[in-house]
Amino acid sequence: MNDLLRPAASLFVLLSALTGIAYPMVLTGIAQALFPDAASGSVLFRDGTPVGSRLIGQNFSSPKYFWGRPSASSPQPYNGTASGGSNQGPLNPALIEAVTTHIAALKVADPDNSQAIPVDLVTASASGLDPHISPAAARYQVTRVAKARDLSIAHLTAIIEAHTEDRQWGVFGEPRVNVLKLNLALDAEHSYQ
């Protein structure tokens, strides 16, 4: 029996060390060397303080900020440990109620805005954590943000254009605006904290 346990225990310790310690350390080292920003979580900083990741949405509700897509995670919005879409069909009463609630919030925040509300401002993404909105969704919010910050619409539109990212590798997806990066640029330019 001892002849069977010793090799099994040795193999267990060896494989645990290889797959649980050595392999993750090597992969982490390679990732840090080749892709340091992504391997560190793509964290964005303001004055040396981390304020969020450019890969995960943030919950903005103040009128002076651009708002992102609704989060599908609960109870805390944009909770990475609860990632996942709502998986609700178009006739689901819960989805209809959520969309109606988001539309009402947008109308309350900017009652004079008569533009059509872009769908990405009232529906969650597949992951429920998307940090991006469409350029149309950003332009929809320009009037509210301009009033709250006492800025011209033309100036805000130029900032949106400067922060609009093209399709992935010029082929995949649609042009998009990272909400956190856009709001950080506004804060940096106009000293809002």
N, C-alpha and C. Protein backbone atom coordinates (compact mmCIF):
# COMPACT_ATOMS: atom_id res chain seq x y z
N MET A 1 0.82 -1.19 0.00
CA MET A 1 0.00 0.00 0.00
C MET A 1 0.86 1.25 0.00
N ASN A 2 1.94 1.25 0.79
CA ASN A 2 2.85 2.39 0.86
C ASN A 2 3.52 2.62 -0.49
N ASP A 3 3.72 1.53 -1.26
CA ASP A 3 4.32 1.66 -2.59
C ASP A 3 3.41 2.42 -3.54
N LEU A 4 2.12 2.42 -3.29
CA LEU A 4 1.17 3.14 -4.14
C LEU A 4 0.96 4.58 -3.67
N LEU A 5 0.96 4.80 -2.37
CA LEU A 5 0.69 6.14 -1.84
C LEU A 5 1.83 7.13 -2.09
N ARG A 6 3.07 6.67 -1.92
CA ARG A 6 4.21 7.58 -2.08
C ARG A 6 4.27 8.15 -3.50
N PRO A 7 4.22 7.33 -4.58
CA PRO A 7 4.24 7.92 -5.93
C PRO A 7 3.01 8.80 -6.21
N ALA A 8 1.85 8.39 -5.70
CA ALA A 8 0.64 9.19 -5.92
C ALA A 8 0.76 10.55 -5.24
N ALA A 9 1.24 10.57 -4.01
CA ALA A 9 1.40 11.82 -3.28
C ALA A 9 2.47 12.70 -3.93
N SER A 10 3.56 12.08 -4.37
CA SER A 10 4.62 12.84 -5.04
C SER A 10 4.11 13.45 -6.34
N LEU A 11 3.37 12.66 -7.11
CA LEU A 11 2.82 13.16 -8.36
C LEU A 11 1.80 14.28 -8.11
N PHE A 12 1.01 14.13 -7.06
CA PHE A 12 0.04 15.16 -6.69
C PHE A 12 0.75 16.47 -6.35
N VAL A 13 1.80 16.41 -5.54
CA VAL A 13 2.55 17.61 -5.15
C VAL A 13 3.22 18.23 -6.37
N LEU A 14 3.83 17.41 -7.22
CA LEU A 14 4.51 17.91 -8.41
C LEU A 14 3.53 18.60 -9.36
N LEU A 15 2.41 17.92 -9.67
CA LEU A 15 1.44 18.52 -10.58
C LEU A 15 0.78 19.75 -9.97
N SER A 16 0.55 19.76 -8.67
CA SER A 16 -0.01 20.95 -8.02
C SER A 16 0.95 22.12 -8.14
N ALA A 17 2.24 21.87 -7.95
CA ALA A 17 3.24 22.93 -8.08
C ALA A 17 3.33 23.43 -9.52
N LEU A 18 3.28 22.50 -10.47
CA LEU A 18 3.37 22.90 -11.88
C LEU A 18 2.13 23.67 -12.35
N THR A 19 0.96 23.09 -12.10
CA THR A 19 -0.26 23.69 -12.63
C THR A 19 -0.84 24.78 -11.74
N GLY A 20 -0.51 24.77 -10.45
CA GLY A 20 -1.08 25.76 -9.53
C GLY A 20 -0.16 26.92 -9.24
N ILE A 21 1.15 26.75 -9.49
CA ILE A 21 2.10 27.83 -9.16
C ILE A 21 2.92 28.23 -10.40
N ALA A 22 3.66 27.29 -10.96
CA ALA A 22 4.58 27.60 -12.05
C ALA A 22 3.84 28.09 -13.31
N TYR A 23 2.84 27.34 -13.75
CA TYR A 23 2.12 27.71 -14.97
C TYR A 23 1.46 29.08 -14.86
N PRO A 24 0.69 29.38 -13.79
CA PRO A 24 0.11 30.73 -13.67
C PRO A 24 1.16 31.84 -13.60
N MET A 25 2.28 31.57 -12.93
CA MET A 25 3.33 32.59 -12.85
C MET A 25 3.95 32.86 -14.22
N VAL A 26 4.19 31.82 -15.00
CA VAL A 26 4.76 32.00 -16.34
C VAL A 26 3.78 32.77 -17.23
N LEU A 27 2.51 32.38 -17.21
CA LEU A 27 1.52 33.07 -18.04
C LEU A 27 1.34 34.52 -17.60
N THR A 28 1.34 34.78 -16.31
CA THR A 28 1.22 36.14 -15.82
C THR A 28 2.43 36.97 -16.26
N GLY A 29 3.61 36.39 -16.17
CA GLY A 29 4.82 37.09 -16.62
C GLY A 29 4.79 37.41 -18.10
N ILE A 30 4.36 36.45 -18.91
CA ILE A 30 4.26 36.69 -20.36
C ILE A 30 3.23 37.77 -20.64
N ALA A 31 2.06 37.68 -19.98
CA ALA A 31 1.02 38.68 -20.19
C ALA A 31 1.49 40.07 -19.77
N GLN A 32 2.17 40.17 -18.64
CA GLN A 32 2.67 41.47 -18.17
C GLN A 32 3.72 42.03 -19.14
N ALA A 33 4.52 41.15 -19.74
CA ALA A 33 5.54 41.62 -20.67
C ALA A 33 4.94 42.06 -22.01
N LEU A 34 3.99 41.30 -22.52
CA LEU A 34 3.43 41.58 -23.84
C LEU A 34 2.24 42.55 -23.81
N PHE A 35 1.40 42.44 -22.80
CA PHE A 35 0.19 43.26 -22.71
C PHE A 35 0.03 43.82 -21.30
N PRO A 36 0.91 44.72 -20.87
CA PRO A 36 0.88 45.18 -19.47
C PRO A 36 -0.42 45.86 -19.06
N ASP A 37 -1.03 46.64 -19.95
CA ASP A 37 -2.27 47.33 -19.60
C ASP A 37 -3.41 46.33 -19.39
N ALA A 38 -3.60 45.43 -20.33
CA ALA A 38 -4.67 44.45 -20.23
C ALA A 38 -4.45 43.49 -19.06
N ALA A 39 -3.21 43.06 -18.85
CA ALA A 39 -2.92 42.12 -17.77
C ALA A 39 -3.14 42.75 -16.40
N SER A 40 -3.10 44.07 -16.33
CA SER A 40 -3.31 44.76 -15.06
C SER A 40 -4.75 45.21 -14.88
N GLY A 41 -5.64 44.81 -15.77
CA GLY A 41 -7.05 45.13 -15.63
C GLY A 41 -7.51 46.36 -16.38
N SER A 42 -6.63 46.95 -17.21
CA SER A 42 -6.99 48.14 -17.99
C SER A 42 -7.55 49.25 -17.11
N VAL A 43 -6.89 49.49 -15.99
CA VAL A 43 -7.35 50.45 -15.00
C VAL A 43 -7.06 51.87 -15.47
N LEU A 44 -8.04 52.75 -15.29
CA LEU A 44 -7.87 54.18 -15.59
C LEU A 44 -7.65 54.93 -14.28
N PHE A 45 -6.78 55.92 -14.33
CA PHE A 45 -6.41 56.68 -13.13
C PHE A 45 -6.76 58.15 -13.31
N ARG A 46 -7.07 58.82 -12.18
CA ARG A 46 -7.21 60.27 -12.14
C ARG A 46 -6.37 60.74 -10.96
N ASP A 47 -5.38 61.56 -11.24
CA ASP A 47 -4.47 62.07 -10.21
C ASP A 47 -3.81 60.93 -9.43
N GLY A 48 -3.45 59.86 -10.14
CA GLY A 48 -2.77 58.73 -9.51
C GLY A 48 -3.67 57.77 -8.76
N THR A 49 -4.97 58.04 -8.74
CA THR A 49 -5.92 57.19 -8.03
C THR A 49 -6.73 56.38 -9.04
N PRO A 50 -6.83 55.07 -8.87
CA PRO A 50 -7.64 54.30 -9.81
C PRO A 50 -9.12 54.66 -9.68
N VAL A 51 -9.78 54.88 -10.83
CA VAL A 51 -11.19 55.24 -10.82
C VAL A 51 -12.08 54.22 -11.52
N GLY A 52 -11.48 53.24 -12.15
CA GLY A 52 -12.25 52.20 -12.82
C GLY A 52 -11.46 51.57 -13.94
N SER A 53 -12.05 50.58 -14.55
CA SER A 53 -11.45 49.90 -15.68
C SER A 53 -12.12 50.38 -16.96
N ARG A 54 -11.33 50.47 -18.01
CA ARG A 54 -11.92 50.87 -19.29
C ARG A 54 -12.72 49.74 -19.91
N LEU A 55 -12.71 48.55 -19.27
CA LEU A 55 -13.41 47.39 -19.80
C LEU A 55 -14.73 47.11 -19.10
N ILE A 56 -15.02 47.81 -18.00
CA ILE A 56 -16.24 47.57 -17.24
C ILE A 56 -16.95 48.91 -17.04
N GLY A 57 -18.24 48.93 -17.30
CA GLY A 57 -19.02 50.15 -17.17
C GLY A 57 -19.06 50.67 -15.74
N GLN A 58 -19.40 51.92 -15.61
CA GLN A 58 -19.52 52.58 -14.31
C GLN A 58 -20.92 53.16 -14.18
N ASN A 59 -21.38 53.32 -12.97
CA ASN A 59 -22.72 53.82 -12.73
C ASN A 59 -22.68 55.34 -12.55
N PHE A 60 -22.98 56.09 -13.62
CA PHE A 60 -23.06 57.55 -13.56
C PHE A 60 -24.53 57.95 -13.53
N SER A 61 -24.89 58.82 -12.60
CA SER A 61 -26.29 59.27 -12.52
C SER A 61 -26.41 60.79 -12.43
N SER A 62 -25.31 61.48 -12.23
CA SER A 62 -25.35 62.94 -12.15
C SER A 62 -25.61 63.53 -13.54
N PRO A 63 -26.39 64.60 -13.63
CA PRO A 63 -26.65 65.22 -14.94
C PRO A 63 -25.40 65.74 -15.64
N LYS A 64 -24.34 66.02 -14.90
CA LYS A 64 -23.13 66.57 -15.52
C LYS A 64 -22.27 65.50 -16.19
N TYR A 65 -22.67 64.24 -16.09
CA TYR A 65 -21.93 63.14 -16.70
C TYR A 65 -22.75 62.45 -17.78
N PHE A 66 -22.05 61.88 -18.74
CA PHE A 66 -22.71 61.01 -19.71
C PHE A 66 -23.02 59.70 -19.01
N TRP A 67 -24.17 59.13 -19.31
CA TRP A 67 -24.59 57.88 -18.69
C TRP A 67 -24.33 56.73 -19.65
N GLY A 68 -24.00 55.58 -19.08
CA GLY A 68 -23.76 54.39 -19.89
C GLY A 68 -25.01 53.56 -20.06
N ARG A 69 -24.80 52.38 -20.59
CA ARG A 69 -25.92 51.44 -20.74
C ARG A 69 -26.37 50.97 -19.37
N PRO A 70 -27.64 50.60 -19.25
CA PRO A 70 -28.08 50.02 -17.98
C PRO A 70 -27.32 48.72 -17.70
N SER A 71 -27.09 48.46 -16.45
CA SER A 71 -26.40 47.24 -16.05
C SER A 71 -27.41 46.14 -15.78
N ALA A 72 -27.06 44.92 -16.19
CA ALA A 72 -27.95 43.78 -15.93
C ALA A 72 -27.62 43.10 -14.61
N SER A 73 -26.53 43.50 -13.97
CA SER A 73 -26.14 42.85 -12.71
C SER A 73 -26.89 43.49 -11.54
N SER A 74 -27.20 42.66 -10.58
CA SER A 74 -27.88 43.19 -9.39
C SER A 74 -27.38 42.42 -8.17
N PRO A 75 -27.46 42.96 -7.00
CA PRO A 75 -28.10 44.22 -6.66
C PRO A 75 -27.22 45.43 -6.95
N GLN A 76 -25.93 45.23 -7.15
CA GLN A 76 -25.01 46.34 -7.41
C GLN A 76 -24.79 46.46 -8.91
N PRO A 77 -24.98 47.65 -9.51
CA PRO A 77 -24.75 47.79 -10.95
C PRO A 77 -23.29 47.58 -11.32
N TYR A 78 -23.07 47.04 -12.48
CA TYR A 78 -21.74 46.80 -13.05
C TYR A 78 -20.88 45.94 -12.14
N ASN A 79 -21.49 44.93 -11.54
CA ASN A 79 -20.80 44.00 -10.66
C ASN A 79 -20.23 42.88 -11.52
N GLY A 80 -18.90 42.85 -11.65
CA GLY A 80 -18.24 41.86 -12.49
C GLY A 80 -18.48 40.43 -12.06
N THR A 81 -18.77 40.20 -10.79
CA THR A 81 -19.02 38.83 -10.33
C THR A 81 -20.43 38.37 -10.67
N ALA A 82 -21.28 39.29 -11.13
CA ALA A 82 -22.65 38.93 -11.50
C ALA A 82 -22.89 39.23 -12.97
N SER A 83 -21.86 39.10 -13.79
CA SER A 83 -21.96 39.41 -15.21
C SER A 83 -22.93 38.47 -15.91
N GLY A 84 -23.67 39.03 -16.81
CA GLY A 84 -24.59 38.23 -17.61
C GLY A 84 -25.78 39.07 -18.00
N GLY A 85 -26.31 38.81 -19.17
CA GLY A 85 -27.47 39.54 -19.64
C GLY A 85 -28.72 39.11 -18.90
N SER A 86 -29.77 39.82 -19.13
CA SER A 86 -31.03 39.50 -18.47
C SER A 86 -31.71 38.30 -19.13
N ASN A 87 -31.36 38.03 -20.39
CA ASN A 87 -31.96 36.93 -21.16
C ASN A 87 -33.48 37.03 -21.21
N GLN A 88 -33.99 38.24 -21.24
CA GLN A 88 -35.43 38.45 -21.32
C GLN A 88 -35.82 38.70 -22.76
N GLY A 89 -36.87 38.03 -23.20
CA GLY A 89 -37.37 38.21 -24.55
C GLY A 89 -38.08 39.53 -24.71
N PRO A 90 -38.35 39.93 -25.95
CA PRO A 90 -38.95 41.25 -26.20
C PRO A 90 -40.36 41.41 -25.65
N LEU A 91 -41.05 40.32 -25.36
CA LEU A 91 -42.40 40.41 -24.80
C LEU A 91 -42.44 40.19 -23.30
N ASN A 92 -41.27 40.01 -22.70
CA ASN A 92 -41.21 39.76 -21.26
C ASN A 92 -41.63 41.03 -20.51
N PRO A 93 -42.59 40.92 -19.60
CA PRO A 93 -43.05 42.12 -18.86
C PRO A 93 -41.93 42.78 -18.05
N ALA A 94 -40.96 42.02 -17.55
CA ALA A 94 -39.86 42.61 -16.79
C ALA A 94 -38.99 43.48 -17.68
N LEU A 95 -38.74 43.04 -18.90
CA LEU A 95 -37.94 43.83 -19.84
C LEU A 95 -38.70 45.11 -20.22
N ILE A 96 -39.97 44.96 -20.50
CA ILE A 96 -40.78 46.12 -20.87
C ILE A 96 -40.80 47.13 -19.72
N GLU A 97 -40.93 46.66 -18.49
CA GLU A 97 -40.92 47.55 -17.32
C GLU A 97 -39.56 48.23 -17.16
N ALA A 98 -38.47 47.48 -17.34
CA ALA A 98 -37.12 48.05 -17.21
C ALA A 98 -36.89 49.13 -18.27
N VAL A 99 -37.26 48.85 -19.51
CA VAL A 99 -37.08 49.83 -20.59
C VAL A 99 -37.93 51.07 -20.32
N THR A 100 -39.16 50.88 -19.88
CA THR A 100 -40.04 52.00 -19.56
C THR A 100 -39.45 52.85 -18.44
N THR A 101 -38.87 52.20 -17.43
CA THR A 101 -38.25 52.92 -16.32
C THR A 101 -37.05 53.73 -16.80
N HIS A 102 -36.23 53.15 -17.68
CA HIS A 102 -35.05 53.87 -18.19
C HIS A 102 -35.47 55.05 -19.07
N ILE A 103 -36.51 54.86 -19.86
CA ILE A 103 -37.00 55.97 -20.70
C ILE A 103 -37.50 57.11 -19.82
N ALA A 104 -38.25 56.77 -18.77
CA ALA A 104 -38.77 57.79 -17.86
C ALA A 104 -37.63 58.55 -17.18
N ALA A 105 -36.58 57.84 -16.76
CA ALA A 105 -35.43 58.50 -16.12
C ALA A 105 -34.74 59.47 -17.08
N LEU A 106 -34.60 59.06 -18.34
CA LEU A 106 -33.99 59.94 -19.33
C LEU A 106 -34.86 61.17 -19.59
N LYS A 107 -36.16 60.99 -19.63
CA LYS A 107 -37.09 62.11 -19.85
C LYS A 107 -37.08 63.08 -18.66
N VAL A 108 -37.00 62.55 -17.45
CA VAL A 108 -36.95 63.40 -16.26
C VAL A 108 -35.64 64.20 -16.24
N ALA A 109 -34.54 63.57 -16.62
CA ALA A 109 -33.24 64.24 -16.59
C ALA A 109 -33.13 65.32 -17.66
N ASP A 110 -33.85 65.16 -18.77
CA ASP A 110 -33.77 66.12 -19.87
C ASP A 110 -35.14 66.24 -20.53
N PRO A 111 -36.10 66.91 -19.87
CA PRO A 111 -37.49 66.93 -20.36
C PRO A 111 -37.68 67.63 -21.70
N ASP A 112 -36.78 68.51 -22.08
CA ASP A 112 -36.94 69.24 -23.34
C ASP A 112 -36.38 68.46 -24.54
N ASN A 113 -35.72 67.35 -24.30
CA ASN A 113 -35.12 66.57 -25.37
C ASN A 113 -36.20 65.78 -26.10
N SER A 114 -36.38 66.07 -27.38
CA SER A 114 -37.42 65.39 -28.16
C SER A 114 -36.84 64.39 -29.15
N GLN A 115 -35.52 64.15 -29.08
CA GLN A 115 -34.90 63.17 -29.97
C GLN A 115 -35.35 61.76 -29.62
N ALA A 116 -35.27 60.88 -30.59
CA ALA A 116 -35.54 59.46 -30.32
C ALA A 116 -34.43 58.93 -29.41
N ILE A 117 -34.80 58.16 -28.40
CA ILE A 117 -33.82 57.63 -27.45
C ILE A 117 -33.14 56.41 -28.07
N PRO A 118 -31.81 56.43 -28.18
CA PRO A 118 -31.10 55.27 -28.71
C PRO A 118 -31.32 54.04 -27.83
N VAL A 119 -31.46 52.89 -28.45
CA VAL A 119 -31.80 51.66 -27.74
C VAL A 119 -30.74 51.29 -26.69
N ASP A 120 -29.48 51.64 -26.93
CA ASP A 120 -28.45 51.25 -25.97
C ASP A 120 -28.51 52.06 -24.66
N LEU A 121 -29.33 53.09 -24.58
CA LEU A 121 -29.51 53.81 -23.32
C LEU A 121 -30.61 53.20 -22.46
N VAL A 122 -31.37 52.26 -23.01
CA VAL A 122 -32.48 51.67 -22.26
C VAL A 122 -32.41 50.16 -22.14
N THR A 123 -31.42 49.54 -22.77
CA THR A 123 -31.26 48.08 -22.68
C THR A 123 -29.83 47.74 -22.28
N ALA A 124 -29.69 46.65 -21.53
CA ALA A 124 -28.37 46.19 -21.10
C ALA A 124 -27.68 45.43 -22.24
N SER A 125 -26.37 45.36 -22.17
CA SER A 125 -25.61 44.58 -23.14
C SER A 125 -25.67 43.11 -22.77
N ALA A 126 -25.07 42.27 -23.59
CA ALA A 126 -25.07 40.82 -23.33
C ALA A 126 -24.38 40.49 -22.01
N SER A 127 -23.30 41.19 -21.69
CA SER A 127 -22.60 40.92 -20.43
C SER A 127 -23.22 41.69 -19.26
N GLY A 128 -23.94 42.74 -19.56
CA GLY A 128 -24.48 43.60 -18.52
C GLY A 128 -23.45 44.55 -17.93
N LEU A 129 -22.23 44.57 -18.51
CA LEU A 129 -21.13 45.37 -17.97
C LEU A 129 -20.51 46.31 -19.01
N ASP A 130 -21.10 46.42 -20.17
CA ASP A 130 -20.51 47.16 -21.28
C ASP A 130 -20.16 48.60 -20.90
N PRO A 131 -18.89 49.01 -21.12
CA PRO A 131 -18.49 50.38 -20.78
C PRO A 131 -18.75 51.37 -21.91
N HIS A 132 -19.26 50.89 -23.04
CA HIS A 132 -19.42 51.74 -24.22
C HIS A 132 -20.88 52.05 -24.52
N ILE A 133 -21.08 53.19 -25.16
CA ILE A 133 -22.36 53.53 -25.77
C ILE A 133 -22.09 53.93 -27.21
N SER A 134 -23.14 53.98 -27.99
CA SER A 134 -22.99 54.41 -29.38
C SER A 134 -22.77 55.93 -29.42
N PRO A 135 -22.16 56.43 -30.48
CA PRO A 135 -22.04 57.88 -30.62
C PRO A 135 -23.42 58.56 -30.58
N ALA A 136 -24.45 57.90 -31.12
CA ALA A 136 -25.80 58.47 -31.08
C ALA A 136 -26.29 58.61 -29.64
N ALA A 137 -25.99 57.63 -28.80
CA ALA A 137 -26.39 57.70 -27.38
C ALA A 137 -25.65 58.83 -26.67
N ALA A 138 -24.40 59.05 -27.02
CA ALA A 138 -23.65 60.17 -26.43
C ALA A 138 -24.23 61.50 -26.90
N ARG A 139 -24.52 61.60 -28.20
CA ARG A 139 -25.09 62.85 -28.73
C ARG A 139 -26.48 63.12 -28.13
N TYR A 140 -27.24 62.08 -27.84
CA TYR A 140 -28.56 62.27 -27.22
C TYR A 140 -28.43 63.00 -25.89
N GLN A 141 -27.35 62.79 -25.17
CA GLN A 141 -27.17 63.34 -23.83
C GLN A 141 -26.49 64.71 -23.81
N VAL A 142 -26.07 65.20 -24.96
CA VAL A 142 -25.28 66.43 -25.03
C VAL A 142 -26.00 67.62 -24.39
N THR A 143 -27.27 67.79 -24.65
CA THR A 143 -28.00 68.95 -24.14
C THR A 143 -28.00 68.96 -22.61
N ARG A 144 -28.28 67.81 -22.00
CA ARG A 144 -28.32 67.72 -20.54
C ARG A 144 -26.95 68.02 -19.93
N VAL A 145 -25.90 67.42 -20.48
CA VAL A 145 -24.55 67.62 -19.94
C VAL A 145 -24.10 69.07 -20.18
N ALA A 146 -24.44 69.62 -21.33
CA ALA A 146 -24.07 71.01 -21.63
C ALA A 146 -24.70 71.97 -20.63
N LYS A 147 -25.97 71.75 -20.30
CA LYS A 147 -26.65 72.61 -19.32
C LYS A 147 -26.00 72.47 -17.94
N ALA A 148 -25.73 71.23 -17.54
CA ALA A 148 -25.18 70.98 -16.21
C ALA A 148 -23.77 71.53 -16.05
N ARG A 149 -23.01 71.56 -17.12
CA ARG A 149 -21.62 72.03 -17.06
C ARG A 149 -21.44 73.43 -17.63
N ASP A 150 -22.51 74.02 -18.13
CA ASP A 150 -22.45 75.35 -18.74
C ASP A 150 -21.43 75.37 -19.88
N LEU A 151 -21.57 74.42 -20.79
CA LEU A 151 -20.70 74.31 -21.97
C LEU A 151 -21.54 74.39 -23.23
N SER A 152 -20.90 74.68 -24.34
CA SER A 152 -21.64 74.72 -25.60
C SER A 152 -21.83 73.30 -26.14
N ILE A 153 -22.91 73.13 -26.86
CA ILE A 153 -23.19 71.83 -27.48
C ILE A 153 -22.12 71.49 -28.50
N ALA A 154 -21.63 72.48 -29.22
CA ALA A 154 -20.59 72.25 -30.23
C ALA A 154 -19.30 71.74 -29.56
N HIS A 155 -18.97 72.31 -28.43
CA HIS A 155 -17.75 71.89 -27.71
C HIS A 155 -17.89 70.44 -27.22
N LEU A 156 -19.03 70.13 -26.63
CA LEU A 156 -19.25 68.76 -26.16
C LEU A 156 -19.27 67.77 -27.31
N THR A 157 -19.87 68.15 -28.42
CA THR A 157 -19.89 67.27 -29.59
C THR A 157 -18.48 67.00 -30.08
N ALA A 158 -17.63 67.99 -30.05
CA ALA A 158 -16.23 67.81 -30.46
C ALA A 158 -15.51 66.85 -29.51
N ILE A 159 -15.80 66.93 -28.22
CA ILE A 159 -15.18 66.02 -27.25
C ILE A 159 -15.66 64.59 -27.50
N ILE A 160 -16.95 64.44 -27.81
CA ILE A 160 -17.47 63.10 -28.13
C ILE A 160 -16.76 62.54 -29.36
N GLU A 161 -16.63 63.36 -30.39
CA GLU A 161 -15.96 62.90 -31.62
C GLU A 161 -14.51 62.51 -31.34
N ALA A 162 -13.84 63.26 -30.48
CA ALA A 162 -12.45 62.94 -30.15
C ALA A 162 -12.33 61.63 -29.38
N HIS A 163 -13.41 61.23 -28.69
CA HIS A 163 -13.38 60.01 -27.90
C HIS A 163 -14.16 58.86 -28.52
N THR A 164 -14.56 59.01 -29.76
CA THR A 164 -15.24 57.93 -30.47
C THR A 164 -14.20 56.96 -31.01
N GLU A 165 -14.34 55.71 -30.61
CA GLU A 165 -13.42 54.66 -31.05
C GLU A 165 -14.00 54.01 -32.30
N ASP A 166 -13.11 53.67 -33.24
CA ASP A 166 -13.54 53.03 -34.48
C ASP A 166 -13.85 51.55 -34.23
N ARG A 167 -14.31 50.88 -35.26
CA ARG A 167 -14.57 49.45 -35.18
C ARG A 167 -13.30 48.71 -34.80
N GLN A 168 -13.45 47.57 -34.13
CA GLN A 168 -12.30 46.74 -33.75
C GLN A 168 -11.56 46.31 -35.01
N TRP A 169 -10.31 46.64 -35.12
CA TRP A 169 -9.46 46.37 -36.27
C TRP A 169 -10.08 46.87 -37.57
N GLY A 170 -10.95 47.89 -37.46
CA GLY A 170 -11.58 48.48 -38.62
C GLY A 170 -12.66 47.63 -39.25
N VAL A 171 -13.00 46.49 -38.62
CA VAL A 171 -13.95 45.54 -39.23
C VAL A 171 -15.08 45.16 -38.30
N PHE A 172 -14.76 44.79 -37.07
CA PHE A 172 -15.75 44.20 -36.16
C PHE A 172 -16.45 45.26 -35.31
N GLY A 173 -17.75 45.06 -35.11
CA GLY A 173 -18.52 45.93 -34.24
C GLY A 173 -18.87 47.25 -34.89
N GLU A 174 -19.23 48.18 -34.06
CA GLU A 174 -19.65 49.52 -34.50
C GLU A 174 -18.80 50.56 -33.77
N PRO A 175 -18.74 51.78 -34.31
CA PRO A 175 -18.06 52.85 -33.56
C PRO A 175 -18.71 53.00 -32.19
N ARG A 176 -17.90 53.35 -31.19
CA ARG A 176 -18.39 53.39 -29.82
C ARG A 176 -17.65 54.45 -29.02
N VAL A 177 -18.24 54.81 -27.89
CA VAL A 177 -17.65 55.81 -26.99
C VAL A 177 -17.54 55.17 -25.62
N ASN A 178 -16.34 55.17 -25.04
CA ASN A 178 -16.15 54.66 -23.69
C ASN A 178 -16.60 55.75 -22.71
N VAL A 179 -17.65 55.45 -21.96
CA VAL A 179 -18.27 56.46 -21.09
C VAL A 179 -17.33 56.94 -20.00
N LEU A 180 -16.60 56.03 -19.37
CA LEU A 180 -15.68 56.45 -18.30
C LEU A 180 -14.58 57.35 -18.85
N LYS A 181 -13.99 56.99 -19.98
CA LYS A 181 -12.94 57.82 -20.57
C LYS A 181 -13.48 59.19 -20.97
N LEU A 182 -14.70 59.22 -21.51
CA LEU A 182 -15.32 60.49 -21.89
C LEU A 182 -15.55 61.38 -20.67
N ASN A 183 -16.08 60.80 -19.61
CA ASN A 183 -16.35 61.58 -18.39
C ASN A 183 -15.06 62.04 -17.71
N LEU A 184 -14.03 61.20 -17.74
CA LEU A 184 -12.74 61.61 -17.18
C LEU A 184 -12.15 62.77 -17.99
N ALA A 185 -12.32 62.73 -19.31
CA ALA A 185 -11.82 63.83 -20.15
C ALA A 185 -12.56 65.12 -19.83
N LEU A 186 -13.86 65.03 -19.61
CA LEU A 186 -14.63 66.22 -19.23
C LEU A 186 -14.16 66.77 -17.89
N ASP A 187 -13.97 65.88 -16.92
CA ASP A 187 -13.50 66.32 -15.61
C ASP A 187 -12.13 66.96 -15.70
N ALA A 188 -11.23 66.38 -16.48
CA ALA A 188 -9.88 66.91 -16.60
C ALA A 188 -9.90 68.29 -17.27
N GLU A 189 -10.75 68.45 -18.25
CA GLU A 189 -10.80 69.71 -18.98
C GLU A 189 -11.50 70.81 -18.21
N HIS A 190 -12.48 70.44 -17.41
CA HIS A 190 -13.32 71.45 -16.77
C HIS A 190 -13.28 71.39 -15.25
N SER A 191 -12.32 70.70 -14.69
CA SER A 191 -12.05 70.69 -13.24
C SER A 191 -13.25 70.35 -12.39
N TYR A 192 -14.06 69.39 -12.84
CA TYR A 192 -15.17 68.89 -12.00
C TYR A 192 -14.66 67.68 -11.27
N GLN A 193 -14.87 67.61 -9.99
CA GLN A 193 -14.44 66.43 -9.21
C GLN A 193 -15.61 65.69 -8.67
